[in-house]
Amino acid sequence: MAIRWISIVLMLALMGAQPLIARAAEPQVPVLWDAKERLPKPDLSKLPRLRFLTTTDFPPFNFLDGAGRLSGFHVDLARAICAELGIAEKCQIQALPWAELEGALRKGEGEAIIAGIAATPESRSKYAFSRSYLQFPARFIMPKTKALTEPIFDRLRGKRVGVLAGSAHERMLRAYFDAVQVVPFERPEDLYTELKAGKIDAAFGDGMRFAFWLGGSDAAGCCRFAGGPYLAPEYLGSGMAIATRADDPALAAAFDYALQELSVKGIFAEFYLRYFPVSFF
């Protein structure tokens, strides 16, 4: 039980420790950087070039637009990082198939990967990582007329809550909200159908995927987020970070500086709301 509340308190702190109820009407932007922390500004004047490697098949993070141009959240973020570091003229962004990213970085065909490689104990043996710039909280969604606000733990007692079977979210739901009736589903389509039909009281899962469903035609305006958001790295991982070669931690640290500056200046928030108009925070 203590772990559950630690995660909730952490999320509140990241969002400025303001009541979620008071801020529910405004789009929420994740703030993962301490504006008071002073990171050293790197000197990359001797860096001959900075090539970001990404993919084209992970919208809205990286994809080809209607004109065949490489676009997406990661593309805009990489360009902004280069501008913040004062090396825009040295920057390139190249798209490769996912399976070729690691080899290209290892062979010196790029200096960084911005494509959602998870920072795990195994991957840290291959890469140096920036700090996380985006995390993916778990969320509840409920019909609008019945949606709850925090604190919701006791108010969910005995409620039927749908979740994808065998997922990290199911394990998290059973561990943190052990008073609910867990209803596992094999397919997200069935989960959404049962929620809209009122056969379950709520659904629990990945906030980003829920946000896209809520903003789409299939949801038909039926539902909204309820409570949360909930961060639990032990179940959901540490979020997205930029990967460099393991022997180049200085470049990863330079990305930390740029990412913090982009957060403080509101540029990261602009990108987030552009690509995630239904915020999952």
Protein backbone atom coordinates (compact mmCIF):
# COMPACT_ATOMS: atom_id res chain seq x y z
CA MET A 1 0.00 0.00 0.00
CA ALA A 2 2.86 2.39 0.78
CA ILE A 3 4.31 1.96 -2.69
CA ARG A 4 0.98 2.95 -4.24
CA TRP A 5 0.87 6.23 -2.38
CA ILE A 6 4.56 6.93 -3.04
CA SER A 7 3.80 6.71 -6.77
CA ILE A 8 0.80 9.03 -6.45
CA VAL A 9 2.74 11.55 -4.36
CA LEU A 10 5.58 11.46 -6.90
CA MET A 11 3.16 12.20 -9.73
CA LEU A 12 1.64 15.11 -7.83
CA ALA A 13 5.11 16.51 -7.15
CA LEU A 14 6.05 16.29 -10.81
CA MET A 15 2.93 18.22 -11.72
CA GLY A 16 3.61 21.01 -9.25
CA ALA A 17 1.85 19.56 -6.18
CA GLN A 18 -1.42 21.24 -7.18
CA PRO A 19 -4.77 19.47 -6.69
CA LEU A 20 -5.74 17.37 -9.68
CA ILE A 21 -9.39 18.42 -9.28
CA ALA A 22 -8.55 22.10 -9.62
CA ARG A 23 -6.54 21.52 -12.78
CA ALA A 24 -8.75 18.96 -14.49
CA ALA A 25 -10.17 21.44 -17.04
CA GLU A 26 -6.74 22.33 -18.44
CA PRO A 27 -4.52 20.13 -20.61
CA GLN A 28 -1.80 18.71 -18.40
CA VAL A 29 1.83 18.69 -19.51
CA PRO A 30 4.32 16.39 -17.75
CA VAL A 31 7.09 18.27 -15.98
CA LEU A 32 9.99 15.90 -15.30
CA TRP A 33 12.70 18.51 -14.75
CA ASP A 34 13.51 20.59 -11.69
CA ALA A 35 13.69 24.20 -12.88
CA LYS A 36 15.91 25.04 -9.90
CA GLU A 37 18.57 22.50 -10.82
CA ARG A 38 21.49 24.03 -12.69
CA LEU A 39 22.95 21.68 -15.26
CA PRO A 40 26.28 22.68 -16.82
CA LYS A 41 26.04 24.05 -20.35
CA PRO A 42 28.11 21.79 -22.62
CA ASP A 43 30.66 22.98 -25.15
CA LEU A 44 30.08 21.01 -28.35
CA SER A 45 32.07 23.31 -30.60
CA LYS A 46 34.50 20.50 -31.43
CA LEU A 47 31.75 18.03 -32.31
CA PRO A 48 31.96 17.58 -36.10
CA ARG A 49 28.28 16.61 -36.44
CA LEU A 50 25.36 15.20 -34.52
CA ARG A 51 23.32 12.54 -36.30
CA PHE A 52 20.11 11.40 -34.64
CA LEU A 53 18.88 7.96 -35.68
CA THR A 54 15.17 7.14 -35.55
CA THR A 55 12.51 5.13 -37.40
CA THR A 56 9.49 5.94 -39.57
CA ASP A 57 6.93 3.56 -38.08
CA PHE A 58 6.14 4.89 -34.62
CA PRO A 59 3.55 7.67 -34.95
CA PRO A 60 3.13 10.23 -33.51
CA PHE A 61 6.78 10.04 -32.42
CA ASN A 62 8.35 9.42 -35.83
CA PHE A 63 6.62 8.88 -39.17
CA LEU A 64 6.51 10.01 -42.81
CA ASP A 65 3.93 12.71 -43.47
CA GLY A 66 1.76 12.97 -46.58
CA ALA A 67 4.64 14.51 -48.52
CA GLY A 68 7.05 11.76 -47.48
CA ARG A 69 8.93 13.98 -45.02
CA LEU A 70 10.23 12.63 -41.74
CA SER A 71 8.00 14.12 -39.05
CA GLY A 72 6.84 13.62 -35.49
CA PHE A 73 7.41 14.46 -31.86
CA HIS A 74 10.93 13.00 -31.85
CA VAL A 75 11.90 14.84 -35.02
CA ASP A 76 10.79 18.20 -33.65
CA LEU A 77 12.44 17.43 -30.32
CA ALA A 78 15.78 16.50 -31.94
CA ARG A 79 15.82 19.71 -33.95
CA ALA A 80 15.00 21.77 -30.87
CA ILE A 81 17.79 20.06 -28.92
CA CYS A 82 20.28 20.95 -31.65
CA ALA A 83 19.10 24.57 -31.65
CA GLU A 84 19.39 24.74 -27.86
CA LEU A 85 22.92 23.37 -28.01
CA GLY A 86 23.85 25.90 -30.69
CA ILE A 87 24.76 23.28 -33.29
CA ALA A 88 21.72 23.30 -35.59
CA GLU A 89 23.96 23.47 -38.65
CA LYS A 90 25.72 20.27 -37.57
CA CYS A 91 22.56 18.25 -36.96
CA GLN A 92 21.06 15.52 -39.10
CA ILE A 93 18.15 13.14 -38.53
CA GLN A 94 18.20 9.80 -40.32
CA ALA A 95 15.49 7.13 -40.35
CA LEU A 96 16.36 3.44 -40.35
CA PRO A 97 14.48 0.21 -39.67
CA TRP A 98 14.32 -0.49 -35.93
CA ALA A 99 16.52 -3.58 -36.21
CA GLU A 100 19.35 -1.52 -37.74
CA LEU A 101 19.52 1.25 -35.13
CA GLU A 102 21.88 -0.47 -32.69
CA GLY A 103 24.31 -1.54 -35.39
CA ALA A 104 24.35 1.90 -37.00
CA LEU A 105 25.19 3.57 -33.70
CA ARG A 106 27.87 0.99 -32.92
CA LYS A 107 29.50 1.46 -36.36
CA GLY A 108 29.61 5.23 -35.95
CA GLU A 109 26.88 5.96 -38.50
CA GLY A 110 25.12 8.13 -35.94
CA GLU A 111 25.75 9.68 -32.55
CA ALA A 112 22.37 9.18 -30.84
CA ILE A 113 19.16 7.18 -31.09
CA ILE A 114 15.86 8.95 -30.43
CA ALA A 115 13.34 6.18 -30.98
CA GLY A 116 12.05 4.99 -27.62
CA ILE A 117 14.76 2.54 -26.57
CA ALA A 118 13.93 1.61 -22.99
CA ALA A 119 16.60 2.25 -20.35
CA THR A 120 16.90 -1.13 -18.64
CA PRO A 121 19.81 -2.83 -16.84
CA GLU A 122 20.47 -4.78 -20.05
CA SER A 123 20.32 -1.78 -22.40
CA ARG A 124 22.51 0.32 -20.09
CA SER A 125 25.34 -2.09 -20.83
CA LYS A 126 25.12 -1.03 -24.49
CA TYR A 127 24.16 2.64 -24.25
CA ALA A 128 24.54 5.79 -22.19
CA PHE A 129 21.15 7.44 -21.71
CA SER A 130 19.90 10.94 -21.15
CA ARG A 131 17.44 11.40 -18.34
CA SER A 132 13.87 10.49 -19.14
CA TYR A 133 11.99 13.19 -21.06
CA LEU A 134 8.60 11.46 -21.23
CA GLN A 135 6.95 8.85 -19.06
CA PHE A 136 3.79 6.86 -19.60
CA PRO A 137 1.46 6.81 -16.61
CA ALA A 138 -1.30 4.32 -15.99
CA ARG A 139 -4.79 5.82 -16.03
CA PHE A 140 -8.38 4.90 -15.32
CA ILE A 141 -11.06 5.86 -17.81
CA MET A 142 -14.75 5.87 -16.90
CA PRO A 143 -18.04 7.05 -18.44
CA LYS A 144 -18.22 10.81 -18.12
CA THR A 145 -21.31 10.76 -15.91
CA LYS A 146 -19.65 8.44 -13.40
CA ALA A 147 -15.98 9.49 -13.55
CA LEU A 148 -14.29 9.83 -10.17
CA THR A 149 -11.68 12.28 -8.94
CA GLU A 150 -8.90 11.69 -6.43
CA PRO A 151 -8.85 10.17 -3.90
CA ILE A 152 -10.51 7.25 -5.62
CA PHE A 153 -9.07 4.17 -3.93
CA ASP A 154 -11.98 3.56 -1.55
CA ARG A 155 -14.57 4.74 -4.08
CA LEU A 156 -13.42 2.04 -6.50
CA ARG A 157 -13.99 -0.70 -3.94
CA GLY A 158 -15.97 -3.52 -5.53
CA LYS A 159 -16.09 -1.85 -8.96
CA ARG A 160 -15.59 -3.93 -12.09
CA VAL A 161 -12.41 -2.67 -13.75
CA GLY A 162 -11.31 -3.93 -17.15
CA VAL A 163 -7.64 -4.34 -18.06
CA LEU A 164 -5.66 -6.14 -20.76
CA ALA A 165 -4.92 -9.69 -19.65
CA GLY A 166 -1.32 -10.50 -18.79
CA SER A 167 -0.18 -6.87 -19.08
CA ALA A 168 1.97 -4.87 -16.69
CA HIS A 169 -1.15 -2.81 -16.07
CA GLU A 170 -3.03 -5.88 -14.87
CA ARG A 171 -0.22 -6.68 -12.42
CA MET A 172 -0.16 -3.06 -11.27
CA LEU A 173 -3.96 -2.95 -10.85
CA ARG A 174 -3.97 -6.11 -8.73
CA ALA A 175 -1.10 -4.83 -6.58
CA TYR A 176 -2.20 -1.24 -6.05
CA PHE A 177 -6.00 -1.44 -6.24
CA ASP A 178 -6.67 -4.80 -4.66
CA ALA A 179 -10.25 -3.89 -3.66
CA VAL A 180 -11.57 -3.78 -7.25
CA GLN A 181 -12.99 -6.64 -9.28
CA VAL A 182 -10.40 -7.20 -12.02
CA VAL A 183 -11.93 -8.09 -15.40
CA PRO A 184 -9.21 -9.17 -17.87
CA PHE A 185 -9.67 -8.74 -21.64
CA GLU A 186 -7.62 -10.25 -24.44
CA ARG A 187 -8.22 -7.39 -26.88
CA PRO A 188 -8.45 -3.63 -26.33
CA GLU A 189 -11.44 -3.47 -28.69
CA ASP A 190 -13.43 -5.70 -26.35
CA LEU A 191 -12.35 -3.65 -23.35
CA TYR A 192 -13.63 -0.44 -24.94
CA THR A 193 -16.88 -2.05 -26.10
CA GLU A 194 -17.71 -3.32 -22.62
CA LEU A 195 -16.87 0.07 -21.08
CA LYS A 196 -19.15 1.92 -23.50
CA ALA A 197 -21.93 -0.60 -22.87
CA GLY A 198 -21.68 -0.11 -19.10
CA LYS A 199 -20.77 -3.75 -18.46
CA ILE A 200 -17.64 -2.64 -16.58
CA ASP A 201 -17.32 0.44 -14.38
CA ALA A 202 -13.86 1.51 -15.52
CA ALA A 203 -10.85 0.53 -17.58
CA PHE A 204 -7.23 0.69 -16.43
CA GLY A 205 -4.25 0.84 -18.75
CA ASP A 206 -1.74 2.88 -20.69
CA GLY A 207 -2.63 6.56 -20.51
CA MET A 208 -1.27 7.38 -23.97
CA ARG A 209 -3.28 4.68 -25.71
CA PHE A 210 -6.36 5.68 -23.75
CA ALA A 211 -5.84 9.33 -24.76
CA PHE A 212 -5.89 8.47 -28.46
CA TRP A 213 -9.02 6.36 -28.00
CA LEU A 214 -10.78 9.09 -26.02
CA GLY A 215 -10.00 11.60 -28.77
CA GLY A 216 -11.15 9.31 -31.59
CA SER A 217 -14.49 8.63 -33.18
CA ASP A 218 -14.89 5.18 -31.64
CA ALA A 219 -15.19 6.59 -28.12
CA ALA A 220 -17.89 8.99 -29.35
CA GLY A 221 -17.30 11.23 -26.35
CA CYS A 222 -18.47 8.56 -23.93
CA CYS A 223 -15.70 8.64 -21.40
CA ARG A 224 -12.87 10.55 -19.77
CA PHE A 225 -9.90 10.04 -17.49
CA ALA A 226 -10.68 9.43 -13.82
CA GLY A 227 -8.14 9.91 -11.05
CA GLY A 228 -4.42 9.56 -11.49
CA PRO A 229 -2.10 9.74 -13.31
CA TYR A 230 -0.04 6.94 -11.73
CA LEU A 231 3.66 6.36 -12.25
CA ALA A 232 5.13 3.03 -11.22
CA PRO A 233 8.59 2.40 -12.73
CA GLU A 234 8.66 -1.09 -11.27
CA TYR A 235 5.75 -1.97 -13.59
CA LEU A 236 5.83 0.63 -16.37
CA GLY A 237 9.53 1.35 -16.83
CA SER A 238 11.37 4.65 -16.61
CA GLY A 239 10.04 6.24 -19.80
CA MET A 240 11.73 7.57 -22.93
CA ALA A 241 15.35 8.70 -23.08
CA ILE A 242 17.92 9.42 -25.79
CA ALA A 243 20.57 6.74 -26.23
CA THR A 244 24.23 7.36 -27.12
CA ARG A 245 27.16 4.97 -27.27
CA ALA A 246 28.13 3.68 -23.85
CA ASP A 247 31.51 5.39 -24.12
CA ASP A 248 29.93 8.81 -24.77
CA PRO A 249 28.17 9.79 -21.52
CA ALA A 250 29.18 13.43 -22.07
CA LEU A 251 26.83 13.65 -25.07
CA ALA A 252 24.00 12.14 -23.02
CA ALA A 253 24.69 14.79 -20.36
CA ALA A 254 24.54 17.49 -23.05
CA PHE A 255 21.09 16.23 -23.98
CA ASP A 256 20.07 16.57 -20.33
CA TYR A 257 21.00 20.24 -20.41
CA ALA A 258 19.07 20.85 -23.63
CA LEU A 259 16.01 18.92 -22.49
CA GLN A 260 15.83 20.83 -19.24
CA GLU A 261 16.11 24.15 -21.08
CA LEU A 262 13.35 23.12 -23.48
CA SER A 263 11.15 22.21 -20.53
CA VAL A 264 11.76 25.47 -18.66
CA LYS A 265 11.16 27.57 -21.79
CA GLY A 266 7.85 25.83 -22.58
CA ILE A 267 9.07 24.41 -25.89
CA PHE A 268 8.65 20.81 -24.75
CA ALA A 269 5.08 21.61 -23.64
CA GLU A 270 4.36 23.03 -27.10
CA PHE A 271 5.51 19.82 -28.76
CA TYR A 272 3.63 17.64 -26.28
CA LEU A 273 0.31 19.41 -26.83
CA ARG A 274 0.85 19.44 -30.60
CA TYR A 275 1.17 15.67 -30.81
CA PHE A 276 -0.96 14.66 -27.80
CA PRO A 277 -3.95 17.05 -27.83
CA VAL A 278 -5.72 14.76 -25.36
CA SER A 279 -3.11 14.79 -22.62
CA PHE A 280 -2.48 11.48 -20.89
CA PHE A 281 -1.29 13.26 -17.73
